[in-house]
N, C-alpha and C. Protein backbone atom coordinates (compact mmCIF):
# COMPACT_ATOMS: atom_id res chain seq x y z
N MET A 1 -29.79 -42.52 32.54
CA MET A 1 -30.55 -42.38 31.32
C MET A 1 -30.53 -43.71 30.56
N ALA A 2 -31.65 -44.07 29.98
CA ALA A 2 -31.73 -45.30 29.20
C ALA A 2 -30.86 -45.18 27.96
N PRO A 3 -30.30 -46.31 27.47
CA PRO A 3 -29.45 -46.24 26.28
C PRO A 3 -30.21 -45.69 25.08
N ASN A 4 -29.57 -44.84 24.31
CA ASN A 4 -30.10 -44.26 23.06
C ASN A 4 -31.35 -43.41 23.28
N MET A 5 -31.64 -42.96 24.49
CA MET A 5 -32.81 -42.14 24.74
C MET A 5 -32.36 -40.71 24.99
N PRO A 6 -32.87 -39.75 24.20
CA PRO A 6 -32.52 -38.35 24.43
C PRO A 6 -32.97 -37.90 25.82
N ALA A 7 -32.28 -36.90 26.37
CA ALA A 7 -32.58 -36.41 27.72
C ALA A 7 -34.03 -35.96 27.84
N ALA A 8 -34.58 -35.31 26.79
CA ALA A 8 -35.97 -34.85 26.83
C ALA A 8 -36.93 -36.03 26.98
N GLU A 9 -36.62 -37.13 26.32
CA GLU A 9 -37.46 -38.33 26.42
C GLU A 9 -37.38 -38.92 27.83
N GLU A 10 -36.19 -38.93 28.39
CA GLU A 10 -35.98 -39.48 29.73
C GLU A 10 -36.78 -38.70 30.76
N ALA A 11 -36.97 -37.39 30.53
CA ALA A 11 -37.67 -36.54 31.48
C ALA A 11 -39.19 -36.72 31.44
N LEU A 12 -39.70 -37.37 30.42
CA LEU A 12 -41.15 -37.57 30.33
C LEU A 12 -41.64 -38.53 31.41
N PRO A 13 -42.84 -38.30 31.92
CA PRO A 13 -43.38 -39.21 32.95
C PRO A 13 -43.68 -40.59 32.37
N GLU A 14 -43.70 -41.58 33.25
CA GLU A 14 -44.09 -42.93 32.86
C GLU A 14 -45.53 -43.17 33.29
N TYR A 15 -46.27 -43.86 32.43
CA TYR A 15 -47.67 -44.17 32.72
C TYR A 15 -47.89 -45.67 32.65
N GLU A 16 -48.71 -46.16 33.55
CA GLU A 16 -49.14 -47.56 33.53
C GLU A 16 -50.20 -47.72 32.43
N ARG A 17 -50.33 -48.91 31.90
CA ARG A 17 -51.36 -49.18 30.89
C ARG A 17 -52.77 -48.87 31.42
N GLN A 18 -52.99 -49.13 32.71
CA GLN A 18 -54.30 -48.88 33.31
C GLN A 18 -54.62 -47.38 33.29
N GLU A 19 -53.62 -46.53 33.48
CA GLU A 19 -53.85 -45.08 33.43
C GLU A 19 -54.19 -44.65 32.01
N VAL A 20 -53.49 -45.18 31.04
CA VAL A 20 -53.78 -44.87 29.63
C VAL A 20 -55.21 -45.28 29.30
N ALA A 21 -55.62 -46.44 29.77
CA ALA A 21 -56.96 -46.97 29.46
C ALA A 21 -58.08 -46.07 29.96
N LYS A 22 -57.82 -45.24 30.95
CA LYS A 22 -58.84 -44.33 31.48
C LYS A 22 -59.13 -43.16 30.54
N HIS A 23 -58.25 -42.93 29.58
CA HIS A 23 -58.35 -41.76 28.70
C HIS A 23 -58.84 -42.19 27.31
N ARG A 24 -60.14 -42.46 27.24
CA ARG A 24 -60.67 -42.99 25.98
C ARG A 24 -61.89 -42.24 25.45
N SER A 25 -62.17 -41.05 26.02
CA SER A 25 -63.35 -40.31 25.59
C SER A 25 -63.12 -38.81 25.74
N ARG A 26 -63.70 -38.04 24.82
CA ARG A 26 -63.63 -36.58 24.90
C ARG A 26 -64.84 -36.02 25.65
N GLU A 27 -65.76 -36.89 26.02
CA GLU A 27 -66.96 -36.43 26.73
C GLU A 27 -66.59 -35.83 28.07
N ASP A 28 -67.34 -34.82 28.47
CA ASP A 28 -67.14 -34.15 29.76
C ASP A 28 -65.71 -33.68 29.96
N GLY A 29 -65.10 -33.18 28.90
CA GLY A 29 -63.74 -32.65 29.01
C GLY A 29 -62.66 -33.70 29.09
N GLY A 30 -63.00 -34.94 28.80
CA GLY A 30 -62.02 -36.04 28.86
C GLY A 30 -60.96 -35.92 27.78
N ARG A 31 -59.92 -36.68 27.94
CA ARG A 31 -58.81 -36.69 27.01
C ARG A 31 -58.73 -38.06 26.33
N VAL A 32 -58.12 -38.08 25.17
CA VAL A 32 -57.94 -39.32 24.42
C VAL A 32 -56.45 -39.61 24.32
N TRP A 33 -56.05 -40.71 24.92
CA TRP A 33 -54.66 -41.13 24.87
C TRP A 33 -54.55 -42.43 24.09
N VAL A 34 -53.40 -42.61 23.44
CA VAL A 34 -53.06 -43.88 22.80
C VAL A 34 -51.59 -44.16 23.09
N THR A 35 -51.20 -45.40 22.89
CA THR A 35 -49.78 -45.74 22.97
C THR A 35 -49.31 -46.18 21.60
N TYR A 36 -48.05 -45.95 21.34
CA TYR A 36 -47.39 -46.49 20.14
C TYR A 36 -46.01 -46.91 20.58
N LYS A 37 -45.71 -48.19 20.39
CA LYS A 37 -44.48 -48.78 20.93
C LYS A 37 -44.42 -48.46 22.41
N ASP A 38 -43.41 -47.70 22.87
CA ASP A 38 -43.31 -47.42 24.30
C ASP A 38 -43.70 -45.98 24.64
N GLY A 39 -44.31 -45.27 23.71
CA GLY A 39 -44.71 -43.89 23.95
C GLY A 39 -46.19 -43.76 24.30
N VAL A 40 -46.50 -42.70 25.04
CA VAL A 40 -47.89 -42.37 25.38
C VAL A 40 -48.19 -41.03 24.74
N TYR A 41 -49.34 -40.93 24.07
CA TYR A 41 -49.67 -39.74 23.29
C TYR A 41 -51.08 -39.26 23.64
N ASP A 42 -51.22 -37.96 23.86
CA ASP A 42 -52.54 -37.36 24.07
C ASP A 42 -52.97 -36.80 22.71
N ILE A 43 -53.85 -37.53 22.03
CA ILE A 43 -54.26 -37.17 20.67
C ILE A 43 -55.60 -36.44 20.63
N THR A 44 -56.06 -35.95 21.76
CA THR A 44 -57.38 -35.32 21.85
C THR A 44 -57.58 -34.27 20.76
N GLU A 45 -56.59 -33.41 20.57
CA GLU A 45 -56.72 -32.32 19.59
C GLU A 45 -56.61 -32.80 18.15
N PHE A 46 -56.10 -34.01 17.94
CA PHE A 46 -55.91 -34.53 16.59
C PHE A 46 -57.10 -35.35 16.10
N VAL A 47 -57.91 -35.85 17.00
CA VAL A 47 -58.98 -36.79 16.65
C VAL A 47 -59.82 -36.30 15.47
N GLU A 48 -60.28 -35.06 15.52
CA GLU A 48 -61.13 -34.54 14.44
C GLU A 48 -60.37 -34.31 13.14
N ASN A 49 -59.04 -34.26 13.20
CA ASN A 49 -58.23 -34.03 12.00
C ASN A 49 -57.70 -35.31 11.38
N HIS A 50 -57.99 -36.45 12.00
CA HIS A 50 -57.50 -37.72 11.48
C HIS A 50 -58.06 -37.95 10.08
N PRO A 51 -57.19 -38.17 9.09
CA PRO A 51 -57.66 -38.34 7.70
C PRO A 51 -58.65 -39.48 7.52
N GLY A 52 -58.57 -40.50 8.36
CA GLY A 52 -59.51 -41.62 8.26
C GLY A 52 -60.79 -41.39 9.04
N GLY A 53 -60.90 -40.23 9.69
CA GLY A 53 -62.09 -39.88 10.45
C GLY A 53 -61.92 -40.15 11.93
N ALA A 54 -62.66 -39.40 12.72
CA ALA A 54 -62.59 -39.51 14.18
C ALA A 54 -63.00 -40.91 14.65
N LYS A 55 -64.02 -41.47 14.04
CA LYS A 55 -64.52 -42.77 14.46
C LYS A 55 -63.43 -43.84 14.33
N ARG A 56 -62.65 -43.77 13.27
CA ARG A 56 -61.61 -44.77 13.02
C ARG A 56 -60.52 -44.70 14.09
N ILE A 57 -60.01 -43.50 14.37
CA ILE A 57 -58.92 -43.38 15.34
C ILE A 57 -59.39 -43.64 16.76
N MET A 58 -60.67 -43.40 17.02
CA MET A 58 -61.20 -43.64 18.37
C MET A 58 -61.25 -45.13 18.71
N MET A 59 -61.12 -46.00 17.72
CA MET A 59 -61.07 -47.44 18.00
C MET A 59 -59.85 -47.77 18.86
N ALA A 60 -58.80 -46.95 18.78
CA ALA A 60 -57.57 -47.21 19.55
C ALA A 60 -57.55 -46.43 20.86
N ALA A 61 -58.54 -45.60 21.12
CA ALA A 61 -58.54 -44.74 22.31
C ALA A 61 -58.33 -45.56 23.58
N GLY A 62 -57.39 -45.11 24.39
CA GLY A 62 -57.11 -45.77 25.66
C GLY A 62 -56.23 -46.99 25.53
N GLY A 63 -55.71 -47.25 24.35
CA GLY A 63 -54.87 -48.44 24.16
C GLY A 63 -53.84 -48.23 23.07
N ALA A 64 -53.33 -49.33 22.60
CA ALA A 64 -52.26 -49.32 21.60
C ALA A 64 -52.80 -49.04 20.20
N ILE A 65 -52.07 -48.19 19.49
CA ILE A 65 -52.44 -47.89 18.11
C ILE A 65 -51.71 -48.83 17.15
N ASP A 66 -50.71 -49.53 17.63
CA ASP A 66 -49.89 -50.43 16.81
C ASP A 66 -50.71 -51.43 16.00
N PRO A 67 -51.69 -52.13 16.60
CA PRO A 67 -52.45 -53.11 15.82
C PRO A 67 -53.20 -52.49 14.64
N PHE A 68 -53.64 -51.26 14.81
CA PHE A 68 -54.36 -50.59 13.73
C PHE A 68 -53.42 -50.21 12.60
N TRP A 69 -52.19 -49.83 12.95
CA TRP A 69 -51.22 -49.51 11.92
C TRP A 69 -50.76 -50.75 11.18
N SER A 70 -50.82 -51.89 11.84
CA SER A 70 -50.53 -53.15 11.15
C SER A 70 -51.64 -53.48 10.16
N MET A 71 -52.88 -53.19 10.55
CA MET A 71 -54.03 -53.49 9.71
C MET A 71 -54.15 -52.51 8.55
N TYR A 72 -54.07 -51.22 8.87
CA TYR A 72 -54.23 -50.18 7.85
C TYR A 72 -52.85 -49.80 7.33
N GLN A 73 -52.39 -50.53 6.34
CA GLN A 73 -51.02 -50.45 5.87
C GLN A 73 -50.64 -49.11 5.23
N GLN A 74 -51.61 -48.24 4.95
CA GLN A 74 -51.26 -46.94 4.39
C GLN A 74 -50.38 -46.13 5.34
N HIS A 75 -50.35 -46.50 6.62
CA HIS A 75 -49.48 -45.83 7.59
C HIS A 75 -48.03 -46.27 7.44
N ASN A 76 -47.79 -47.31 6.66
CA ASN A 76 -46.47 -47.94 6.65
C ASN A 76 -45.67 -47.78 5.37
N THR A 77 -46.10 -46.91 4.46
CA THR A 77 -45.23 -46.58 3.34
C THR A 77 -44.14 -45.66 3.90
N ALA A 78 -43.02 -45.57 3.23
CA ALA A 78 -41.90 -44.76 3.74
C ALA A 78 -42.34 -43.30 3.96
N GLN A 79 -43.04 -42.74 3.00
CA GLN A 79 -43.48 -41.35 3.11
C GLN A 79 -44.49 -41.18 4.25
N ALA A 80 -45.45 -42.08 4.35
CA ALA A 80 -46.47 -41.98 5.40
C ALA A 80 -45.85 -42.18 6.77
N ARG A 81 -44.89 -43.11 6.88
CA ARG A 81 -44.25 -43.35 8.18
C ARG A 81 -43.62 -42.07 8.72
N ARG A 82 -42.91 -41.35 7.86
CA ARG A 82 -42.30 -40.08 8.30
C ARG A 82 -43.37 -39.09 8.72
N ARG A 83 -44.39 -38.92 7.89
CA ARG A 83 -45.43 -37.94 8.17
C ARG A 83 -46.22 -38.30 9.43
N VAL A 84 -46.63 -39.56 9.55
CA VAL A 84 -47.42 -39.99 10.69
C VAL A 84 -46.61 -39.87 11.98
N ARG A 85 -45.36 -40.30 11.95
CA ARG A 85 -44.53 -40.21 13.15
C ARG A 85 -44.25 -38.77 13.52
N ASP A 86 -44.08 -37.89 12.52
CA ASP A 86 -43.89 -36.46 12.81
C ASP A 86 -45.12 -35.87 13.50
N ILE A 87 -46.30 -36.20 12.98
CA ILE A 87 -47.55 -35.72 13.59
C ILE A 87 -47.66 -36.25 15.01
N LEU A 88 -47.45 -37.55 15.16
CA LEU A 88 -47.60 -38.18 16.47
C LEU A 88 -46.62 -37.62 17.50
N SER A 89 -45.40 -37.31 17.09
CA SER A 89 -44.40 -36.83 18.04
C SER A 89 -44.83 -35.54 18.74
N ALA A 90 -45.65 -34.72 18.06
CA ALA A 90 -46.12 -33.48 18.67
C ALA A 90 -47.08 -33.73 19.84
N TYR A 91 -47.63 -34.93 19.93
CA TYR A 91 -48.61 -35.25 20.96
C TYR A 91 -48.05 -36.14 22.07
N LYS A 92 -46.75 -36.40 22.04
CA LYS A 92 -46.15 -37.29 23.04
C LYS A 92 -46.15 -36.64 24.42
N ILE A 93 -46.69 -37.37 25.39
CA ILE A 93 -46.76 -36.84 26.76
C ILE A 93 -46.01 -37.71 27.76
N GLY A 94 -45.59 -38.90 27.35
CA GLY A 94 -44.91 -39.76 28.30
C GLY A 94 -44.46 -41.06 27.69
N ARG A 95 -44.01 -41.92 28.59
CA ARG A 95 -43.54 -43.25 28.20
C ARG A 95 -44.38 -44.29 28.90
N LEU A 96 -44.50 -45.44 28.29
CA LEU A 96 -45.29 -46.54 28.83
C LEU A 96 -44.43 -47.34 29.80
N LYS A 97 -44.87 -47.42 31.04
CA LYS A 97 -44.12 -48.16 32.06
C LYS A 97 -44.01 -49.62 31.63
N GLY A 98 -42.81 -50.14 31.66
CA GLY A 98 -42.59 -51.52 31.23
C GLY A 98 -42.31 -51.62 29.74
N GLY A 99 -42.42 -50.52 29.03
CA GLY A 99 -42.14 -50.52 27.59
C GLY A 99 -43.29 -51.05 26.76
N ALA A 100 -43.02 -51.20 25.49
CA ALA A 100 -44.03 -51.66 24.53
C ALA A 100 -44.48 -53.08 24.85
N ASP A 101 -45.71 -53.36 24.53
CA ASP A 101 -46.26 -54.70 24.72
C ASP A 101 -45.53 -55.64 23.74
N PRO A 102 -44.78 -56.62 24.25
CA PRO A 102 -44.03 -57.51 23.35
C PRO A 102 -44.93 -58.32 22.42
N GLY A 103 -46.19 -58.50 22.79
CA GLY A 103 -47.13 -59.24 21.94
C GLY A 103 -47.50 -58.50 20.67
N LEU A 104 -47.24 -57.19 20.63
CA LEU A 104 -47.59 -56.39 19.45
C LEU A 104 -46.46 -56.35 18.42
N LYS A 105 -45.26 -56.72 18.84
CA LYS A 105 -44.07 -56.56 17.99
C LYS A 105 -44.19 -57.28 16.65
N ASP A 106 -44.56 -58.53 16.68
CA ASP A 106 -44.57 -59.33 15.46
C ASP A 106 -45.96 -59.55 14.90
N MET A 107 -46.88 -58.70 15.27
CA MET A 107 -48.26 -58.86 14.82
C MET A 107 -48.37 -58.53 13.33
N ASP A 108 -48.91 -59.45 12.56
CA ASP A 108 -49.11 -59.22 11.13
C ASP A 108 -50.46 -59.79 10.72
N PRO A 109 -51.48 -58.92 10.60
CA PRO A 109 -52.80 -59.43 10.22
C PRO A 109 -52.84 -59.99 8.80
N TYR A 110 -51.77 -59.80 8.03
CA TYR A 110 -51.72 -60.28 6.65
C TYR A 110 -50.93 -61.59 6.52
N LYS A 111 -50.56 -62.20 7.63
CA LYS A 111 -49.70 -63.39 7.58
C LYS A 111 -50.36 -64.59 6.89
N ASN A 112 -51.68 -64.64 6.83
CA ASN A 112 -52.36 -65.77 6.20
C ASN A 112 -52.95 -65.44 4.83
N GLU A 113 -52.40 -64.43 4.18
CA GLU A 113 -52.89 -64.06 2.86
C GLU A 113 -52.68 -65.22 1.87
N PRO A 114 -53.56 -65.35 0.88
CA PRO A 114 -53.38 -66.42 -0.12
C PRO A 114 -52.02 -66.30 -0.81
N ALA A 115 -51.34 -67.42 -0.91
CA ALA A 115 -50.01 -67.43 -1.52
C ALA A 115 -50.06 -67.86 -2.98
N ASP A 116 -51.23 -68.27 -3.44
CA ASP A 116 -51.33 -68.86 -4.78
C ASP A 116 -51.87 -67.90 -5.84
N ARG A 117 -51.63 -66.61 -5.69
CA ARG A 117 -52.09 -65.67 -6.71
C ARG A 117 -51.25 -65.84 -7.97
N HIS A 118 -51.86 -65.60 -9.11
CA HIS A 118 -51.19 -65.81 -10.38
C HIS A 118 -49.96 -64.92 -10.50
N PRO A 119 -48.82 -65.47 -10.92
CA PRO A 119 -47.59 -64.67 -10.99
C PRO A 119 -47.61 -63.58 -12.05
N ALA A 120 -48.55 -63.64 -12.99
CA ALA A 120 -48.62 -62.61 -14.02
C ALA A 120 -49.30 -61.33 -13.53
N LEU A 121 -50.02 -61.40 -12.42
CA LEU A 121 -50.69 -60.21 -11.90
C LEU A 121 -49.66 -59.12 -11.59
N VAL A 122 -50.03 -57.89 -11.88
CA VAL A 122 -49.18 -56.74 -11.57
C VAL A 122 -49.56 -56.26 -10.17
N ILE A 123 -48.66 -56.48 -9.22
CA ILE A 123 -48.93 -56.14 -7.83
C ILE A 123 -48.73 -54.64 -7.63
N ARG A 124 -49.78 -53.97 -7.16
CA ARG A 124 -49.71 -52.53 -6.86
C ARG A 124 -49.44 -52.30 -5.38
N SER A 125 -49.95 -53.18 -4.53
CA SER A 125 -49.59 -53.17 -3.11
C SER A 125 -49.75 -54.59 -2.60
N ALA A 126 -48.83 -55.00 -1.72
CA ALA A 126 -48.86 -56.37 -1.20
C ALA A 126 -49.77 -56.49 0.03
N LYS A 127 -49.80 -55.46 0.85
CA LYS A 127 -50.59 -55.48 2.10
C LYS A 127 -51.38 -54.20 2.19
N PRO A 128 -52.63 -54.23 1.92
CA PRO A 128 -53.45 -55.31 1.38
C PRO A 128 -53.14 -55.54 -0.09
N CYS A 129 -53.47 -56.73 -0.57
CA CYS A 129 -53.16 -57.07 -1.95
C CYS A 129 -54.06 -56.31 -2.91
N ASN A 130 -53.42 -55.56 -3.78
CA ASN A 130 -54.10 -54.90 -4.88
C ASN A 130 -53.27 -55.20 -6.12
N ALA A 131 -53.89 -55.90 -7.07
CA ALA A 131 -53.16 -56.36 -8.25
C ALA A 131 -54.04 -56.21 -9.48
N GLU A 132 -53.37 -56.00 -10.61
CA GLU A 132 -54.07 -55.81 -11.88
C GLU A 132 -53.72 -56.91 -12.86
N THR A 133 -54.65 -57.16 -13.75
CA THR A 133 -54.40 -58.07 -14.85
C THR A 133 -53.57 -57.30 -15.88
N PRO A 134 -52.48 -57.88 -16.37
CA PRO A 134 -51.70 -57.19 -17.41
C PRO A 134 -52.57 -56.94 -18.64
N LEU A 135 -52.41 -55.78 -19.23
CA LEU A 135 -53.22 -55.36 -20.37
C LEU A 135 -53.20 -56.39 -21.50
N GLU A 136 -52.03 -56.95 -21.80
CA GLU A 136 -51.93 -57.91 -22.90
C GLU A 136 -52.75 -59.18 -22.63
N LEU A 137 -52.97 -59.50 -21.35
CA LEU A 137 -53.80 -60.67 -21.03
C LEU A 137 -55.28 -60.32 -21.04
N LEU A 138 -55.61 -59.06 -20.77
CA LEU A 138 -57.01 -58.63 -20.85
C LEU A 138 -57.52 -58.66 -22.28
N THR A 139 -56.64 -58.34 -23.20
CA THR A 139 -57.05 -58.28 -24.61
C THR A 139 -56.89 -59.61 -25.33
N ALA A 140 -56.35 -60.62 -24.66
CA ALA A 140 -56.12 -61.92 -25.29
C ALA A 140 -57.41 -62.72 -25.48
N SER A 141 -58.45 -62.41 -24.71
CA SER A 141 -59.68 -63.18 -24.76
C SER A 141 -60.84 -62.29 -24.30
N LEU A 142 -62.04 -62.65 -24.70
CA LEU A 142 -63.22 -61.92 -24.23
C LEU A 142 -63.51 -62.22 -22.77
N VAL A 143 -63.04 -63.35 -22.29
CA VAL A 143 -63.28 -63.76 -20.91
C VAL A 143 -61.95 -63.79 -20.16
N THR A 144 -61.92 -63.07 -19.04
CA THR A 144 -60.72 -63.07 -18.20
C THR A 144 -60.79 -64.28 -17.27
N PRO A 145 -59.78 -65.15 -17.31
CA PRO A 145 -59.78 -66.29 -16.39
C PRO A 145 -59.81 -65.82 -14.94
N ALA A 146 -60.49 -66.56 -14.07
CA ALA A 146 -60.67 -66.17 -12.67
C ALA A 146 -59.35 -65.88 -11.97
N ASP A 147 -58.31 -66.69 -12.23
CA ASP A 147 -57.04 -66.47 -11.52
C ASP A 147 -56.28 -65.25 -12.03
N LEU A 148 -56.76 -64.64 -13.12
CA LEU A 148 -56.14 -63.42 -13.64
C LEU A 148 -57.00 -62.18 -13.40
N PHE A 149 -58.13 -62.38 -12.74
CA PHE A 149 -59.02 -61.25 -12.46
C PHE A 149 -58.35 -60.33 -11.46
N TYR A 150 -58.60 -59.03 -11.57
CA TYR A 150 -57.95 -58.09 -10.66
C TYR A 150 -58.30 -58.38 -9.21
N VAL A 151 -57.41 -57.98 -8.30
CA VAL A 151 -57.60 -58.17 -6.87
C VAL A 151 -57.61 -56.79 -6.23
N ARG A 152 -58.65 -56.50 -5.45
CA ARG A 152 -58.74 -55.20 -4.77
C ARG A 152 -59.20 -55.44 -3.35
N ASN A 153 -58.30 -55.27 -2.41
CA ASN A 153 -58.63 -55.44 -1.00
C ASN A 153 -58.30 -54.18 -0.22
N HIS A 154 -59.03 -53.95 0.85
CA HIS A 154 -58.73 -52.85 1.76
C HIS A 154 -58.15 -53.38 3.06
N LEU A 155 -58.42 -54.65 3.35
CA LEU A 155 -57.98 -55.29 4.59
C LEU A 155 -57.58 -56.72 4.26
N PRO A 156 -57.09 -57.49 5.24
CA PRO A 156 -56.72 -58.88 4.94
C PRO A 156 -57.90 -59.69 4.42
N VAL A 157 -57.59 -60.68 3.61
CA VAL A 157 -58.61 -61.59 3.11
C VAL A 157 -59.14 -62.37 4.31
N PRO A 158 -60.46 -62.39 4.51
CA PRO A 158 -61.00 -63.12 5.67
C PRO A 158 -60.74 -64.61 5.54
N GLU A 159 -60.49 -65.24 6.67
CA GLU A 159 -60.34 -66.69 6.68
C GLU A 159 -61.71 -67.30 6.88
N VAL A 160 -62.08 -68.22 6.00
CA VAL A 160 -63.38 -68.89 6.11
C VAL A 160 -63.20 -70.39 6.00
N ASP A 161 -64.09 -71.12 6.62
CA ASP A 161 -64.12 -72.57 6.50
C ASP A 161 -64.97 -72.87 5.26
N GLU A 162 -64.34 -73.33 4.22
CA GLU A 162 -65.04 -73.56 2.95
C GLU A 162 -66.17 -74.57 3.07
N ARG A 163 -66.09 -75.48 4.04
CA ARG A 163 -67.14 -76.49 4.20
C ARG A 163 -68.40 -75.91 4.81
N SER A 164 -68.25 -74.89 5.66
CA SER A 164 -69.44 -74.36 6.33
C SER A 164 -69.82 -72.95 5.86
N TYR A 165 -69.02 -72.36 5.01
CA TYR A 165 -69.26 -71.00 4.54
C TYR A 165 -70.56 -70.92 3.73
N ARG A 166 -71.34 -69.90 4.02
CA ARG A 166 -72.58 -69.65 3.28
C ARG A 166 -72.60 -68.20 2.87
N LEU A 167 -73.01 -67.93 1.65
CA LEU A 167 -73.14 -66.56 1.16
C LEU A 167 -74.58 -66.36 0.76
N ARG A 168 -75.16 -65.29 1.27
CA ARG A 168 -76.55 -64.99 0.96
C ARG A 168 -76.58 -63.58 0.35
N VAL A 169 -77.15 -63.48 -0.82
CA VAL A 169 -77.29 -62.20 -1.50
C VAL A 169 -78.77 -61.87 -1.57
N GLU A 170 -79.14 -60.71 -1.01
CA GLU A 170 -80.54 -60.32 -1.03
C GLU A 170 -80.64 -58.80 -1.06
N GLY A 171 -81.79 -58.33 -1.43
CA GLY A 171 -82.02 -56.89 -1.45
C GLY A 171 -83.38 -56.60 -2.04
N GLU A 172 -83.79 -55.36 -1.90
CA GLU A 172 -85.10 -54.97 -2.41
C GLU A 172 -85.15 -55.16 -3.92
N GLY A 173 -86.17 -55.83 -4.38
CA GLY A 173 -86.35 -56.06 -5.81
C GLY A 173 -85.53 -57.22 -6.35
N LEU A 174 -84.78 -57.91 -5.50
CA LEU A 174 -83.97 -59.05 -5.93
C LEU A 174 -84.55 -60.33 -5.38
N ARG A 175 -84.36 -61.39 -6.10
CA ARG A 175 -84.73 -62.68 -5.53
C ARG A 175 -83.55 -63.10 -4.64
N THR A 176 -83.82 -63.77 -3.56
CA THR A 176 -82.78 -64.23 -2.65
C THR A 176 -82.05 -65.41 -3.25
N VAL A 177 -80.74 -65.32 -3.21
CA VAL A 177 -79.90 -66.39 -3.74
C VAL A 177 -78.97 -66.82 -2.59
N ALA A 178 -78.88 -68.11 -2.36
CA ALA A 178 -77.96 -68.62 -1.33
C ALA A 178 -77.01 -69.58 -1.98
N LYS A 179 -75.73 -69.35 -1.80
CA LYS A 179 -74.73 -70.28 -2.30
C LYS A 179 -74.35 -71.15 -1.10
N LEU A 180 -74.46 -72.45 -1.28
CA LEU A 180 -74.27 -73.35 -0.15
C LEU A 180 -72.81 -73.61 0.17
N SER A 181 -71.92 -73.48 -0.79
CA SER A 181 -70.51 -73.69 -0.50
C SER A 181 -69.66 -72.89 -1.48
N VAL A 182 -68.40 -72.77 -1.14
CA VAL A 182 -67.47 -72.00 -1.98
C VAL A 182 -67.03 -72.81 -3.15
């Protein structure tokens, strides 16, 4: 038996990554499998119940769910971690041969987040960054300085090349405006 592995876990079959990859659709009676760390999970029955919607969870079908949990940080609060892992454990069908992909271990899509945010901002979540302007600073002036403006992100801040970045705003009834640089 592997160290620290319960007997029930040891009895589960091992699957190659290629076998997991074949299980990515519910069409024609197919099954949907994902991996998390070194576990293999048949989530077919859970897909429609996923709080983020079936389309979102199907992005991981046939592969690792770890990168998505790194991106969508709501899975990583202490309360959510317990709940998500409890739900996932009911769908465990095996172990991943060779163990977890070592390339996924230290993956952090938020590693290049801006470090120069104003220290007065009230941080509500770090990943993704959601921060508020303190009330006393909002009432100090009619104009909120740009570095004190609230920050609301759902995902990492995109990395752009400021020299080549172009923003185009257009729509019905609007004149087209193009900003040539940041």
